[in-house]
Amino acid sequence: MNGKALLDAGIECTQKIVRIERIDQTLIDLSWRNSTDFDRLSNGVARRDESVVEPFIRKLNEFSGARPAFACFKAEVAIEVREDDWFPRLRARLGLGHWSLKPGQVGHFALMEYTVVEIFRQTSLRQPFAVPTIFESNNCEFFFPAPNGIGTGYTIDLDHNAMRDPVREFLHIRLTYSMDHLKKVIAFTGPTAAVGLAVTRNAHLLRLRTRFERADYGELMTGAVDD
């Protein structure tokens, strides 16, 4: 029924993909419950210590859902990826407003990186990539369907004042992670930046209407919202 959302199989295979994973539950499953345990993981990632990282990757891969889901091309967030404060920067660029932390609350996150060709190698499907549609919204207020005919989704920038292009987002089938895919981890202490939902969604709608000259986009869906 949703076959039109599948992307063409001719995606450039050398392109790098990035995705953020929230890893709090994985750490709990490993009984790594304190800052010392996390520091050991962080240092292990930096040193590429298999004795530390491999158990974490195995536990991460035990997740029974359809991970990964949303992802983007690294080239479009290259500046954010290389910064020390990559998590709050990418949270804003990728519209991850559902990952909100209260003052003093700590969240743990991992930056994963892999290539298009690795997705194709792990599946027999001809079209393992897809455009996010309303079926992937899960009633998330930070998700906005892409205009018909555009061929990709676009993340909502949580900083509505930022004068930058929206990031293309897409879906792909689950990838079994390896140690090489794990690039960084972070323990981020809240609060995360507050988001004005109405102004943020409306700014995103205006940005897409302007970018694609689609004045009608959003009129037939609950896209624009009032304060």
Protein backbone atom coordinates (compact mmCIF):
# COMPACT_ATOMS: atom_id res chain seq x y z
CA MET A 1 0.00 0.00 0.00
CA ASN A 2 2.88 2.35 0.71
CA GLY A 3 5.10 1.17 -2.12
CA LYS A 4 5.44 4.64 -3.65
CA ALA A 5 7.52 5.65 -0.65
CA LEU A 6 10.33 3.28 -1.61
CA LEU A 7 13.40 5.06 -2.91
CA ASP A 8 15.09 4.12 -6.15
CA ALA A 9 17.83 1.52 -5.81
CA GLY A 10 20.36 3.81 -7.51
CA ILE A 11 21.48 5.58 -4.32
CA GLU A 12 25.20 6.31 -4.38
CA CYS A 13 26.68 3.41 -2.41
CA THR A 14 29.69 5.27 -1.03
CA GLN A 15 27.60 7.87 0.79
CA LYS A 16 27.97 7.84 4.56
CA ILE A 17 24.90 7.68 6.79
CA VAL A 18 24.59 8.83 10.39
CA ARG A 19 22.05 7.97 13.04
CA ILE A 20 21.79 8.64 16.77
CA GLU A 21 20.79 5.89 19.16
CA ARG A 22 19.58 6.48 22.69
CA ILE A 23 21.41 3.83 24.69
CA ASP A 24 20.11 4.16 28.27
CA GLN A 25 18.29 0.81 28.14
CA THR A 26 21.26 -0.94 26.57
CA LEU A 27 23.47 0.24 29.42
CA ILE A 28 20.92 -0.97 31.96
CA ASP A 29 20.72 -4.36 30.23
CA LEU A 30 24.50 -4.62 30.59
CA SER A 31 24.26 -3.57 34.26
CA TRP A 32 26.43 -0.56 33.39
CA ARG A 33 24.51 1.77 35.67
CA ASN A 34 26.95 4.43 36.89
CA SER A 35 29.24 7.09 35.47
CA THR A 36 32.31 4.90 35.92
CA ASP A 37 30.80 2.24 33.66
CA PHE A 38 29.93 4.84 31.04
CA ASP A 39 33.40 6.40 31.20
CA ARG A 40 34.85 2.95 30.54
CA LEU A 41 32.65 2.65 27.45
CA SER A 42 33.54 6.15 26.29
CA ASN A 43 37.24 5.47 26.69
CA GLY A 44 36.81 2.10 24.99
CA VAL A 45 35.21 3.75 21.96
CA ALA A 46 38.03 6.30 21.77
CA ARG A 47 40.70 3.57 22.01
CA ARG A 48 38.74 1.10 19.86
CA ASP A 49 38.97 -1.44 22.68
CA GLU A 50 37.10 -4.54 21.51
CA SER A 51 36.88 -6.00 25.01
CA VAL A 52 34.69 -3.07 26.03
CA VAL A 53 32.88 -2.10 22.83
CA GLU A 54 31.97 -5.52 21.44
CA PRO A 55 29.74 -6.53 24.39
CA PHE A 56 27.94 -3.21 24.06
CA ILE A 57 27.39 -3.71 20.31
CA ARG A 58 26.09 -7.24 20.84
CA LYS A 59 23.58 -6.02 23.40
CA LEU A 60 22.54 -3.12 21.14
CA ASN A 61 21.88 -5.57 18.32
CA GLU A 62 19.59 -7.64 20.54
CA PHE A 63 16.94 -4.95 20.25
CA SER A 64 13.91 -6.68 18.76
CA GLY A 65 12.47 -3.75 16.83
CA ALA A 66 13.19 -2.42 13.36
CA ARG A 67 16.25 -0.36 14.18
CA PRO A 68 17.46 1.70 12.45
CA ALA A 69 14.54 3.76 11.25
CA PHE A 70 15.25 7.42 10.59
CA ALA A 71 18.70 8.38 9.30
CA CYS A 72 20.41 11.07 7.23
CA PHE A 73 23.47 11.58 5.05
CA LYS A 74 26.59 12.55 6.98
CA ALA A 75 27.52 15.21 4.44
CA GLU A 76 24.51 17.29 5.46
CA VAL A 77 25.44 17.35 9.17
CA ALA A 78 29.23 17.14 8.86
CA ILE A 79 29.80 20.29 10.91
CA GLU A 80 27.70 19.04 13.81
CA VAL A 81 29.20 15.54 13.76
CA ARG A 82 32.76 16.71 14.27
CA GLU A 83 32.04 19.02 17.22
CA ASP A 84 32.51 17.99 20.86
CA ASP A 85 28.93 19.07 21.61
CA TRP A 86 27.58 17.01 18.73
CA PHE A 87 24.50 15.76 20.55
CA PRO A 88 22.64 19.03 21.22
CA ARG A 89 23.62 20.25 17.77
CA LEU A 90 22.32 17.13 16.03
CA ARG A 91 19.25 17.00 18.25
CA ALA A 92 18.29 20.42 16.87
CA ARG A 93 19.19 19.74 13.23
CA LEU A 94 17.44 16.37 13.15
CA GLY A 95 14.31 17.43 14.98
CA LEU A 96 14.78 15.03 17.90
CA GLY A 97 12.56 17.02 20.22
CA HIS A 98 11.12 13.86 21.76
CA TRP A 99 14.50 13.38 23.42
CA SER A 100 13.98 16.05 26.06
CA LEU A 101 15.79 16.02 29.39
CA LYS A 102 14.80 17.84 32.57
CA PRO A 103 17.38 19.76 34.64
CA GLY A 104 19.81 17.27 36.12
CA GLN A 105 18.45 14.34 34.12
CA VAL A 106 21.12 12.39 32.25
CA GLY A 107 20.60 10.76 28.87
CA HIS A 108 23.09 8.53 27.06
CA PHE A 109 23.44 8.59 23.28
CA ALA A 110 25.58 7.00 20.57
CA LEU A 111 26.55 8.33 17.16
CA MET A 112 26.48 5.59 14.54
CA GLU A 113 28.01 5.87 11.06
CA TYR A 114 27.92 3.47 8.12
CA THR A 115 27.61 3.49 4.33
CA VAL A 116 24.78 2.93 1.89
CA VAL A 117 26.45 -0.17 0.51
CA GLU A 118 26.41 -1.82 3.93
CA ILE A 119 22.62 -1.63 3.92
CA PHE A 120 22.44 -3.34 0.54
CA ARG A 121 24.90 -6.03 1.64
CA GLN A 122 22.67 -7.05 4.55
CA THR A 123 19.50 -7.51 2.55
CA SER A 124 18.15 -9.12 -0.60
CA LEU A 125 15.64 -6.31 -1.04
CA ARG A 126 16.11 -4.19 -4.13
CA GLN A 127 14.79 -1.05 -2.45
CA PRO A 128 15.77 -1.03 1.24
CA PHE A 129 15.41 2.78 1.56
CA ALA A 130 12.16 4.73 1.83
CA VAL A 131 10.74 8.20 2.30
CA PRO A 132 9.15 8.69 5.75
CA THR A 133 5.38 9.06 5.50
CA ILE A 134 2.57 9.66 7.95
CA PHE A 135 2.70 5.94 8.83
CA GLU A 136 6.03 6.57 10.59
CA SER A 137 4.82 9.54 12.61
CA ASN A 138 3.81 7.55 15.72
CA ASN A 139 1.87 10.67 16.71
CA CYS A 140 5.16 12.49 17.26
CA GLU A 141 4.67 16.25 17.19
CA PHE A 142 8.19 16.72 15.83
CA PHE A 143 7.52 14.72 12.66
CA PHE A 144 6.32 16.39 9.47
CA PRO A 145 5.49 14.41 6.30
CA ALA A 146 7.33 15.43 3.15
CA PRO A 147 5.49 17.05 0.22
CA ASN A 148 4.26 14.58 -2.39
CA GLY A 149 6.65 14.14 -5.30
CA ILE A 150 9.72 15.50 -3.52
CA GLY A 151 11.31 12.08 -3.00
CA THR A 152 12.66 12.62 0.49
CA GLY A 153 11.67 13.74 3.94
CA TYR A 154 13.05 16.76 5.79
CA THR A 155 13.75 17.09 9.50
CA ILE A 156 12.22 19.88 11.55
CA ASP A 157 14.97 22.19 12.78
CA LEU A 158 14.30 22.75 16.48
CA ASP A 159 16.03 26.12 16.21
CA HIS A 160 13.42 27.93 14.14
CA ASN A 161 15.63 31.03 13.93
CA ALA A 162 18.51 29.17 12.29
CA MET A 163 19.03 30.20 8.68
CA ARG A 164 20.07 26.81 7.33
CA ASP A 165 18.73 24.22 4.95
CA PRO A 166 16.60 21.39 6.37
CA VAL A 167 18.29 18.00 6.53
CA ARG A 168 17.02 15.21 4.30
CA GLU A 169 15.81 12.20 6.26
CA PHE A 170 14.96 8.69 5.12
CA LEU A 171 14.27 5.21 6.39
CA HIS A 172 16.11 1.99 5.74
CA ILE A 173 15.79 -1.57 6.91
CA ARG A 174 17.50 -2.75 10.03
CA LEU A 175 21.28 -2.86 10.02
CA THR A 176 23.23 -5.19 12.27
CA TYR A 177 25.79 -2.91 13.87
CA SER A 178 29.48 -3.66 14.16
CA MET A 179 32.11 -2.00 16.32
CA ASP A 180 33.23 0.13 13.36
CA HIS A 181 29.81 1.77 13.20
CA LEU A 182 30.07 3.24 16.71
CA LYS A 183 31.88 6.57 16.48
CA LYS A 184 31.02 8.48 19.66
CA VAL A 185 29.03 8.20 22.87
CA ILE A 186 27.93 10.94 25.23
CA ALA A 187 26.30 11.31 28.62
CA PHE A 188 24.28 14.52 28.28
CA THR A 189 22.95 16.25 31.38
CA GLY A 190 19.74 18.21 30.97
CA PRO A 191 18.03 20.44 30.50
CA THR A 192 17.84 20.15 26.75
CA ALA A 193 16.91 23.31 24.89
CA ALA A 194 13.23 24.15 25.10
CA VAL A 195 11.24 23.98 21.87
CA GLY A 196 8.31 26.20 20.92
CA LEU A 197 6.26 23.63 19.05
CA ALA A 198 3.91 25.97 17.20
CA VAL A 199 6.54 28.39 15.94
CA THR A 200 8.94 25.55 15.10
CA ARG A 201 6.43 23.58 13.01
CA ASN A 202 5.14 26.67 11.25
CA ALA A 203 8.69 27.82 10.43
CA HIS A 204 9.40 24.38 8.96
CA LEU A 205 6.22 24.50 6.89
CA LEU A 206 7.10 27.94 5.53
CA ARG A 207 10.65 26.79 4.74
CA LEU A 208 9.41 23.84 2.69
CA ARG A 209 6.74 25.88 0.93
CA THR A 210 9.37 28.42 -0.06
CA ARG A 211 11.99 25.83 -1.03
CA PHE A 212 9.67 23.86 -3.28
CA GLU A 213 7.27 26.63 -4.29
CA ARG A 214 4.38 24.61 -2.92
CA ALA A 215 1.96 27.13 -1.44
CA ASP A 216 -0.65 24.39 -1.01
CA TYR A 217 1.58 22.15 1.10
CA GLY A 218 0.18 21.69 4.58
CA GLU A 219 -3.34 22.94 3.94
CA LEU A 220 -4.86 19.47 4.00
CA MET A 221 -2.97 18.16 7.02
CA THR A 222 -2.39 19.15 10.60
CA GLY A 223 0.89 20.82 9.76
CA ALA A 224 0.49 24.45 10.78
CA VAL A 225 -0.61 24.86 14.36
CA ASP A 226 -1.71 27.76 16.52
CA ASP A 227 -0.17 28.90 19.77
